Amino acid sequence: MTPRRAGTVVWAAAAIVLLALTLRIAVASLSPLLTVISRDFPLPAAVVGLIGMAPPVAFALSAVVTPVIERRVGLERLVLIAAVAAAAALGLRAVAVDAWTLLAATAGVFAAVGVANVLIPAVVKKYFPERVGLMTTVYTTTMAVATFTPPLVAVPLAGAIGWRGSFAVWAFVAVVAVVPWVVTSLRARAGRGDAVEEPRASVLSRVVRVPQAWALVITFAVNSSVAYGMFAWLPTILIDTAGVDAATAGSLLALFSFMGLPVSLVVPLLAARLRRTTPFYVFAVASGLAGVAGLLFAPGAATVQWVVLIGLPPLMFPMVLVLFSLRTRSHETAVALSGFVQSLGYALAALVPLAIGVTHELTGGWTAGLLVVGGVIVLVVPAAVVVARSESIEEAWERRHGRAWDAG
């Protein structure tokens, strides 16, 4: 590797890691502070539900428009724009004056994060084509760390410098993440990298006709439903059903988020090595259902164990990220598959935080909402059967249509 190429790779790695911090800090730094924020202005349950919906809705919309914008702007430059926008929106969240401005700032954060979500797999494939599994592990592990850290420290930090100060700290982290993307964008603009092949419309039209792609949509939707449903509501559920205080509930949300760390370390490498998905699905479904059952029937008896168990189904996230590469033959197909799966998956997942909030408003309890989460987890079972077929998207299309993928 030449010194120039080595420098490009180092900056790209730093850019990916720091942006991964921003992606999850944006999601996990809000819900632990909802009780604290509500002392300054009212936060109706409906608005909290909309805030819970904001990440998957924004991610779904971003996944649709990102490929079109990227063709005009360029890969690295668009990620840079997204990183700057995320930092700015995080700063605006610190100066919210009511529930609606908080919602607007949060939506802005997640619109920027959604763009980055779609593009980062392409960045990994571009700069680390021989180490996709390793870099996916680094990327998802960083996201896991960034997910459990804010809930752990958000309430104590807000106690020391106020909830606005707490948000300002996370905005500063996002600003730091911009720096390596400036360098990476400039190096790419100077021609120090390979061109990224963009997915043609014909490729996307073929992807949507492959059952495996739809099975990945369901898998991604279930994963995101559990993750964002719990990010939005787990602290409140635990306060009401297990009798914990706000600080403890924040710590338990951090524990829920922390479960993404070991799975992010293990799942991408195992999935790349084993080339099998069934064991991951079985483990995710069994753990998730056990956690939901515990919160339903004995929330105060073994609260920590239930939180740990319900924190395991999101292991499907790093698994799907790896499958974008493992189940495609070309970068073009991988980008098309990533955009398709993320757009629909996040759109479907957006319904779950809202459903939990609506059922709570209607019933005054959390049983119906937890049953929604359990039902969603069960939905991944048929998808697991389809994904277990280890053929690529191109091979599946060729088998179904009787002609070569590149033959038109």
Protein backbone atom coordinates (compact mmCIF):
# COMPACT_ATOMS: atom_id res chain seq x y z
CA MET A 1 0.00 0.00 0.00
CA THR A 2 1.41 3.39 -1.02
CA PRO A 3 1.75 6.15 1.60
CA ARG A 4 -0.96 8.14 -0.18
CA ARG A 5 -3.34 5.18 -0.16
CA ALA A 6 -2.47 4.47 3.50
CA GLY A 7 -3.26 8.06 4.43
CA THR A 8 -6.58 7.87 2.62
CA VAL A 9 -7.52 4.67 4.44
CA VAL A 10 -6.54 6.08 7.86
CA TRP A 11 -8.64 9.22 7.35
CA ALA A 12 -11.55 7.13 6.05
CA ALA A 13 -11.37 4.85 9.10
CA ALA A 14 -11.34 7.84 11.48
CA ALA A 15 -14.23 9.41 9.58
CA ILE A 16 -16.32 6.22 9.79
CA VAL A 17 -15.66 5.69 13.49
CA LEU A 18 -16.42 9.27 14.54
CA LEU A 19 -19.54 9.44 12.42
CA ALA A 20 -20.71 6.16 13.95
CA LEU A 21 -20.52 7.89 17.34
CA THR A 22 -22.76 10.69 16.06
CA LEU A 23 -25.32 8.33 14.51
CA ARG A 24 -26.20 6.62 17.77
CA ILE A 25 -25.62 9.54 20.14
CA ALA A 26 -28.36 11.33 18.22
CA VAL A 27 -30.77 8.48 18.92
CA ALA A 28 -29.88 7.58 22.50
CA SER A 29 -29.33 10.96 24.15
CA LEU A 30 -32.95 12.14 24.26
CA SER A 31 -35.32 9.65 25.91
CA PRO A 32 -33.49 9.50 29.30
CA LEU A 33 -34.03 13.26 29.63
CA LEU A 34 -37.72 13.43 28.75
CA THR A 35 -38.75 13.54 32.42
CA VAL A 36 -36.22 16.31 33.11
CA ILE A 37 -37.24 18.30 30.02
CA SER A 38 -40.92 18.03 30.96
CA ARG A 39 -40.20 20.16 34.04
CA ASP A 40 -39.51 23.10 31.70
CA PHE A 41 -42.32 22.54 29.20
CA PRO A 42 -45.05 19.94 28.68
CA LEU A 43 -44.26 16.83 26.60
CA PRO A 44 -47.58 15.21 25.58
CA ALA A 45 -47.47 11.44 25.05
CA ALA A 46 -48.47 11.94 21.42
CA VAL A 47 -45.46 14.18 20.80
CA VAL A 48 -43.17 11.72 22.58
CA GLY A 49 -44.58 9.04 20.28
CA LEU A 50 -43.80 11.24 17.27
CA ILE A 51 -40.28 11.79 18.59
CA GLY A 52 -39.95 8.02 18.85
CA MET A 53 -41.16 7.76 15.25
CA ALA A 54 -38.74 10.43 14.01
CA PRO A 55 -35.66 8.20 13.59
CA PRO A 56 -37.22 5.46 11.44
CA VAL A 57 -39.39 7.90 9.43
CA ALA A 58 -36.42 10.16 8.70
CA PHE A 59 -34.22 7.18 7.91
CA ALA A 60 -36.82 5.74 5.53
CA LEU A 61 -37.23 9.01 3.63
CA SER A 62 -33.47 9.56 3.54
CA ALA A 63 -32.91 6.09 2.11
CA VAL A 64 -35.22 6.94 -0.78
CA VAL A 65 -33.65 10.28 -1.74
CA THR A 66 -30.00 9.67 -0.82
CA PRO A 67 -28.95 7.71 -3.96
CA VAL A 68 -30.40 10.45 -6.20
CA ILE A 69 -28.61 13.21 -4.30
CA GLU A 70 -25.36 11.23 -4.11
CA ARG A 71 -25.19 10.90 -7.91
CA ARG A 72 -25.14 14.69 -8.13
CA VAL A 73 -23.02 15.56 -5.10
CA GLY A 74 -20.62 12.62 -4.65
CA LEU A 75 -20.21 10.07 -1.91
CA GLU A 76 -17.76 11.71 0.47
CA ARG A 77 -19.11 15.21 -0.02
CA LEU A 78 -22.67 14.12 0.76
CA VAL A 79 -21.55 12.33 3.93
CA LEU A 80 -19.73 15.53 4.93
CA ILE A 81 -22.89 17.57 4.39
CA ALA A 82 -24.85 15.05 6.48
CA ALA A 83 -22.28 15.21 9.29
CA VAL A 84 -22.43 19.03 9.37
CA ALA A 85 -26.23 19.00 9.33
CA ALA A 86 -26.35 16.46 12.18
CA ALA A 87 -24.05 18.59 14.34
CA ALA A 88 -26.11 21.71 13.66
CA ALA A 89 -29.42 20.00 14.43
CA LEU A 90 -28.04 18.53 17.65
CA GLY A 91 -27.11 22.05 18.67
CA LEU A 92 -30.62 23.28 17.86
CA ARG A 93 -32.09 20.56 20.07
CA ALA A 94 -30.29 22.19 23.01
CA VAL A 95 -32.23 25.44 22.50
CA ALA A 96 -35.72 23.94 22.03
CA VAL A 97 -38.43 26.03 23.70
CA ASP A 98 -41.36 23.60 23.55
CA ALA A 99 -42.30 20.07 22.53
CA TRP A 100 -42.73 20.98 18.87
CA THR A 101 -39.37 22.71 18.45
CA LEU A 102 -37.77 19.73 20.18
CA LEU A 103 -39.53 17.45 17.69
CA ALA A 104 -38.45 19.61 14.73
CA ALA A 105 -34.80 19.65 15.82
CA THR A 106 -34.90 15.91 16.44
CA ALA A 107 -36.37 15.31 12.97
CA GLY A 108 -33.55 17.38 11.48
CA VAL A 109 -30.95 15.32 13.33
CA PHE A 110 -32.37 12.08 12.05
CA ALA A 111 -32.76 13.28 8.47
CA ALA A 112 -29.01 13.89 8.40
CA VAL A 113 -28.26 10.65 10.20
CA GLY A 114 -30.50 8.77 7.74
CA VAL A 115 -28.41 9.97 4.81
CA ALA A 116 -25.26 8.78 6.55
CA ASN A 117 -26.86 5.42 7.37
CA VAL A 118 -27.33 4.65 3.68
CA LEU A 119 -23.90 5.85 2.60
CA ILE A 120 -21.62 4.36 5.26
CA PRO A 121 -21.87 0.76 3.91
CA ALA A 122 -20.82 2.15 0.52
CA VAL A 123 -17.89 3.99 2.14
CA VAL A 124 -16.79 0.77 3.87
CA LYS A 125 -17.04 -1.19 0.62
CA LYS A 126 -15.10 1.50 -1.25
CA TYR A 127 -12.19 1.99 1.15
CA PHE A 128 -12.05 -1.49 2.73
CA PRO A 129 -13.16 -3.95 -0.01
CA GLU A 130 -11.11 -6.82 1.45
CA ARG A 131 -12.09 -6.16 5.07
CA VAL A 132 -15.83 -5.59 4.96
CA GLY A 133 -16.49 -7.90 7.92
CA LEU A 134 -13.79 -6.31 10.05
CA MET A 135 -14.79 -2.72 9.30
CA THR A 136 -18.45 -3.55 9.81
CA THR A 137 -17.47 -4.87 13.23
CA VAL A 138 -15.54 -1.68 14.01
CA TYR A 139 -18.40 0.48 12.75
CA THR A 140 -21.23 -1.33 14.55
CA THR A 141 -19.20 -1.70 17.76
CA THR A 142 -18.58 2.03 17.80
CA MET A 143 -22.29 2.59 17.30
CA ALA A 144 -23.03 0.25 20.19
CA VAL A 145 -20.67 2.16 22.50
CA ALA A 146 -22.25 5.43 21.39
CA THR A 147 -25.71 3.99 22.07
CA PHE A 148 -25.23 2.93 25.67
CA THR A 149 -23.02 5.84 26.80
CA PRO A 150 -25.54 8.73 26.55
CA PRO A 151 -28.29 7.01 28.57
CA LEU A 152 -25.72 6.15 31.24
CA VAL A 153 -24.50 9.71 31.72
CA ALA A 154 -27.30 11.90 30.34
CA VAL A 155 -29.23 12.28 33.61
CA PRO A 156 -26.15 12.96 35.81
CA LEU A 157 -24.82 15.34 33.15
CA ALA A 158 -28.16 17.15 33.02
CA GLY A 159 -28.10 17.39 36.81
CA ALA A 160 -24.71 19.09 36.65
CA ILE A 161 -25.11 21.42 33.64
CA GLY A 162 -28.80 21.17 32.74
CA TRP A 163 -30.46 19.21 29.96
CA ARG A 164 -29.52 21.90 27.45
CA GLY A 165 -25.89 21.57 28.45
CA SER A 166 -26.16 17.81 28.10
CA PHE A 167 -27.38 18.19 24.52
CA ALA A 168 -24.60 20.70 23.84
CA VAL A 169 -21.98 18.12 24.85
CA TRP A 170 -23.29 15.66 22.26
CA ALA A 171 -23.39 18.41 19.64
CA PHE A 172 -19.69 19.05 20.29
CA VAL A 173 -18.92 15.37 19.66
CA ALA A 174 -20.76 15.67 16.35
CA VAL A 175 -18.69 18.73 15.41
CA VAL A 176 -15.49 16.75 16.03
CA ALA A 177 -16.79 14.04 13.70
CA VAL A 178 -16.96 16.56 10.86
CA VAL A 179 -13.18 17.08 10.72
CA PRO A 180 -12.04 13.77 9.16
CA TRP A 181 -14.90 13.97 6.66
CA VAL A 182 -13.57 17.33 5.48
CA VAL A 183 -10.19 15.70 4.83
CA THR A 184 -11.70 12.58 3.25
CA SER A 185 -13.90 14.68 0.99
CA LEU A 186 -10.97 16.82 -0.13
CA ARG A 187 -8.80 13.78 -0.85
CA ALA A 188 -11.61 12.16 -2.84
CA ARG A 189 -12.13 15.38 -4.78
CA ALA A 190 -8.42 15.39 -5.61
CA GLY A 191 -8.81 11.96 -7.18
CA ARG A 192 -7.27 9.93 -4.37
CA GLY A 193 -9.83 7.17 -4.42
CA ASP A 194 -11.82 4.90 -6.66
CA ALA A 195 -15.05 5.97 -8.28
CA VAL A 196 -18.13 4.56 -6.68
CA GLU A 197 -20.48 2.80 -9.04
CA GLU A 198 -24.06 3.99 -8.70
CA PRO A 199 -27.02 1.63 -8.86
CA ARG A 200 -29.04 1.84 -12.07
CA ALA A 201 -32.82 1.94 -11.91
CA SER A 202 -32.88 -1.47 -13.61
CA VAL A 203 -30.86 -2.97 -10.76
CA LEU A 204 -33.30 -1.71 -8.14
CA SER A 205 -36.23 -3.04 -10.17
CA ARG A 206 -34.62 -6.48 -10.10
CA VAL A 207 -33.78 -6.33 -6.41
CA VAL A 208 -37.42 -5.73 -5.47
CA ARG A 209 -38.43 -8.92 -7.31
CA VAL A 210 -36.22 -11.15 -5.19
CA PRO A 211 -37.89 -12.67 -2.06
CA GLN A 212 -34.62 -12.53 -0.14
CA ALA A 213 -34.62 -8.73 -0.43
CA TRP A 214 -38.10 -8.56 1.10
CA ALA A 215 -37.04 -10.96 3.85
CA LEU A 216 -34.19 -8.59 4.68
CA VAL A 217 -36.71 -5.71 4.76
CA ILE A 218 -38.75 -7.59 7.37
CA THR A 219 -35.61 -8.45 9.35
CA PHE A 220 -34.45 -4.84 9.32
CA ALA A 221 -37.94 -3.60 10.25
CA VAL A 222 -38.20 -5.98 13.22
CA ASN A 223 -34.73 -5.03 14.44
CA SER A 224 -35.47 -1.31 14.16
CA SER A 225 -38.94 -1.69 15.71
CA VAL A 226 -37.51 -3.22 18.87
CA ALA A 227 -34.61 -0.77 19.03
CA TYR A 228 -36.54 2.45 18.50
CA GLY A 229 -39.59 1.31 20.43
CA MET A 230 -37.36 0.74 23.45
CA PHE A 231 -35.30 3.90 22.93
CA ALA A 232 -38.54 5.89 23.02
CA TRP A 233 -40.42 4.12 25.80
CA LEU A 234 -38.29 1.76 27.89
CA PRO A 235 -37.38 4.29 30.63
CA THR A 236 -41.03 5.29 31.06
CA ILE A 237 -42.20 1.67 31.01
CA LEU A 238 -39.69 0.74 33.70
CA ILE A 239 -40.57 3.73 35.88
CA ASP A 240 -44.27 2.83 35.74
CA THR A 241 -44.09 -0.98 35.96
CA ALA A 242 -40.87 -1.77 37.83
CA GLY A 243 -40.96 1.24 40.16
CA VAL A 244 -37.45 2.51 39.34
CA ASP A 245 -36.47 6.18 39.41
CA ALA A 246 -35.45 8.24 36.37
CA ALA A 247 -31.70 7.77 36.87
CA THR A 248 -32.06 4.01 37.23
CA ALA A 249 -34.32 3.89 34.18
CA GLY A 250 -31.64 5.76 32.21
CA SER A 251 -29.03 3.27 33.39
CA LEU A 252 -31.25 0.38 32.31
CA LEU A 253 -31.71 1.97 28.89
CA ALA A 254 -27.92 2.16 28.75
CA LEU A 255 -27.83 -1.55 29.57
CA PHE A 256 -30.33 -2.23 26.78
CA SER A 257 -28.10 -0.27 24.43
CA PHE A 258 -24.94 -1.93 25.78
CA MET A 259 -26.18 -5.31 24.57
CA GLY A 260 -25.41 -4.09 21.09
CA LEU A 261 -21.72 -4.02 21.95
CA PRO A 262 -20.96 -7.74 22.33
CA VAL A 263 -23.19 -8.67 19.39
CA SER A 264 -21.54 -6.01 17.23
CA LEU A 265 -18.15 -7.49 18.08
CA VAL A 266 -19.18 -11.05 17.32
CA VAL A 267 -22.00 -11.14 14.77
CA PRO A 268 -20.34 -9.56 11.68
CA LEU A 269 -17.27 -11.77 11.93
CA LEU A 270 -19.29 -14.93 12.64
CA ALA A 271 -21.77 -14.18 9.87
CA ALA A 272 -18.95 -13.62 7.38
CA ARG A 273 -17.20 -16.81 8.47
CA LEU A 274 -20.16 -19.17 8.93
CA ARG A 275 -22.23 -17.88 6.00
CA ARG A 276 -25.28 -19.01 8.00
CA THR A 277 -28.03 -16.87 9.49
CA THR A 278 -30.43 -19.30 11.21
CA PRO A 279 -28.58 -19.44 14.57
CA PHE A 280 -28.68 -15.64 14.82
CA TYR A 281 -32.40 -15.51 14.12
CA VAL A 282 -33.19 -18.24 16.66
CA PHE A 283 -31.16 -16.52 19.36
CA ALA A 284 -32.70 -13.10 18.63
CA VAL A 285 -36.31 -14.32 18.64
CA ALA A 286 -35.99 -16.51 21.75
CA SER A 287 -34.21 -13.79 23.75
CA GLY A 288 -36.59 -11.04 22.69
CA LEU A 289 -39.73 -12.99 23.53
CA ALA A 290 -38.31 -13.98 26.92
CA GLY A 291 -37.55 -10.32 27.68
CA VAL A 292 -41.03 -9.19 26.68
CA ALA A 293 -42.62 -11.94 28.79
CA GLY A 294 -40.55 -10.89 31.80
CA LEU A 295 -41.58 -7.25 31.49
CA LEU A 296 -45.20 -8.32 31.15
CA PHE A 297 -45.47 -10.76 34.05
CA ALA A 298 -42.70 -9.87 36.53
CA PRO A 299 -41.18 -6.48 35.66
CA GLY A 300 -39.85 -5.81 39.15
CA ALA A 301 -38.59 -9.32 39.91
CA ALA A 302 -35.64 -9.52 37.53
CA THR A 303 -35.66 -6.19 35.71
CA VAL A 304 -32.02 -6.30 34.69
CA GLN A 305 -32.38 -9.76 33.13
CA TRP A 306 -35.46 -8.71 31.14
CA VAL A 307 -33.67 -5.64 29.81
CA VAL A 308 -30.66 -7.74 28.81
CA LEU A 309 -32.87 -10.22 26.95
CA ILE A 310 -34.90 -7.61 25.10
CA GLY A 311 -31.63 -5.93 24.14
CA LEU A 312 -30.50 -8.96 22.13
CA PRO A 313 -32.87 -8.94 19.10
CA PRO A 314 -31.08 -5.88 17.64
CA LEU A 315 -28.18 -8.25 16.85
CA MET A 316 -30.00 -8.51 13.52
CA PHE A 317 -28.71 -5.01 12.63
CA PRO A 318 -25.02 -5.91 12.20
CA MET A 319 -26.07 -9.19 10.58
CA VAL A 320 -28.06 -7.37 7.89
CA LEU A 321 -25.25 -4.87 7.29
CA VAL A 322 -22.88 -7.76 6.55
CA LEU A 323 -25.46 -9.45 4.33
CA PHE A 324 -25.60 -6.36 2.11
CA SER A 325 -22.10 -7.36 1.03
CA LEU A 326 -22.25 -11.15 1.44
CA ARG A 327 -25.46 -11.61 -0.53
CA THR A 328 -24.52 -9.45 -3.51
CA ARG A 329 -21.92 -9.86 -6.24
CA SER A 330 -21.35 -6.20 -7.06
CA HIS A 331 -21.16 -2.89 -5.27
CA GLU A 332 -23.99 -1.61 -7.46
CA THR A 333 -26.35 -4.32 -6.22
CA ALA A 334 -25.19 -3.81 -2.62
CA VAL A 335 -26.05 -0.08 -2.73
CA ALA A 336 -29.44 -0.78 -4.33
CA LEU A 337 -30.20 -3.48 -1.75
CA SER A 338 -29.09 -1.26 1.15
CA GLY A 339 -31.28 1.65 0.06
CA PHE A 340 -34.30 -0.59 -0.57
CA VAL A 341 -34.04 -2.48 2.72
CA GLN A 342 -33.38 0.59 4.85
CA SER A 343 -36.10 2.74 3.30
CA LEU A 344 -38.89 0.20 3.73
CA GLY A 345 -37.51 -1.28 6.95
CA TYR A 346 -37.34 2.04 8.74
CA ALA A 347 -40.76 3.09 7.38
CA LEU A 348 -42.37 -0.02 8.86
CA ALA A 349 -40.45 0.36 12.14
CA ALA A 350 -41.75 3.91 12.55
CA LEU A 351 -45.17 2.51 13.40
CA VAL A 352 -44.06 0.71 16.55
CA PRO A 353 -43.04 3.63 18.83
CA LEU A 354 -46.29 5.34 17.86
CA ALA A 355 -48.29 2.15 18.48
CA ILE A 356 -46.79 1.80 21.95
CA GLY A 357 -47.69 5.41 22.78
CA VAL A 358 -51.23 5.16 21.37
CA THR A 359 -52.01 1.92 23.18
CA HIS A 360 -50.74 3.46 26.42
CA GLU A 361 -53.03 6.48 25.90
CA LEU A 362 -55.99 4.18 25.22
CA THR A 363 -55.42 1.64 28.00
CA GLY A 364 -53.47 3.59 30.61
CA GLY A 365 -50.97 0.70 30.88
CA TRP A 366 -48.12 -0.93 29.01
CA THR A 367 -49.41 -4.47 28.44
CA ALA A 368 -50.75 -3.78 24.94
CA GLY A 369 -47.57 -1.98 23.92
CA LEU A 370 -45.37 -4.85 25.08
CA LEU A 371 -47.61 -7.30 23.24
CA VAL A 372 -47.05 -5.23 20.10
CA VAL A 373 -43.29 -5.62 20.56
CA GLY A 374 -43.63 -9.38 21.08
CA GLY A 375 -45.83 -9.74 18.01
CA VAL A 376 -43.35 -7.81 15.90
CA ILE A 377 -40.52 -10.12 16.99
CA VAL A 378 -42.52 -13.18 15.90
CA LEU A 379 -42.95 -11.67 12.42
CA VAL A 380 -39.26 -12.22 11.66
CA VAL A 381 -39.60 -16.03 11.72
CA PRO A 382 -40.78 -16.50 8.10
CA ALA A 383 -38.17 -13.99 6.95
CA ALA A 384 -35.50 -16.10 8.66
CA VAL A 385 -36.51 -19.11 6.53
CA VAL A 386 -36.03 -17.13 3.31
CA VAL A 387 -32.74 -15.50 4.32
CA ALA A 388 -31.35 -18.92 5.24
CA ARG A 389 -30.94 -19.61 1.51
CA SER A 390 -27.33 -18.65 1.00
CA GLU A 391 -27.57 -17.54 -2.63
CA SER A 392 -26.84 -13.99 -3.70
CA ILE A 393 -29.50 -11.54 -4.87
CA GLU A 394 -28.20 -11.90 -8.42
CA GLU A 395 -28.28 -15.71 -8.25
CA ALA A 396 -31.82 -15.68 -6.88
CA TRP A 397 -32.97 -13.39 -9.69
CA GLU A 398 -31.23 -15.54 -12.32
CA ARG A 399 -32.83 -18.70 -10.94
CA ARG A 400 -36.29 -17.16 -11.01
CA HIS A 401 -36.01 -15.53 -14.43
CA GLY A 402 -33.81 -17.99 -16.28
CA ARG A 403 -31.26 -15.54 -17.64
CA ALA A 404 -28.03 -13.90 -16.56
CA TRP A 405 -28.21 -10.83 -14.30
CA ASP A 406 -26.06 -8.78 -16.71
CA ALA A 407 -27.91 -9.94 -19.80
CA GLY A 408 -30.66 -7.30 -19.32
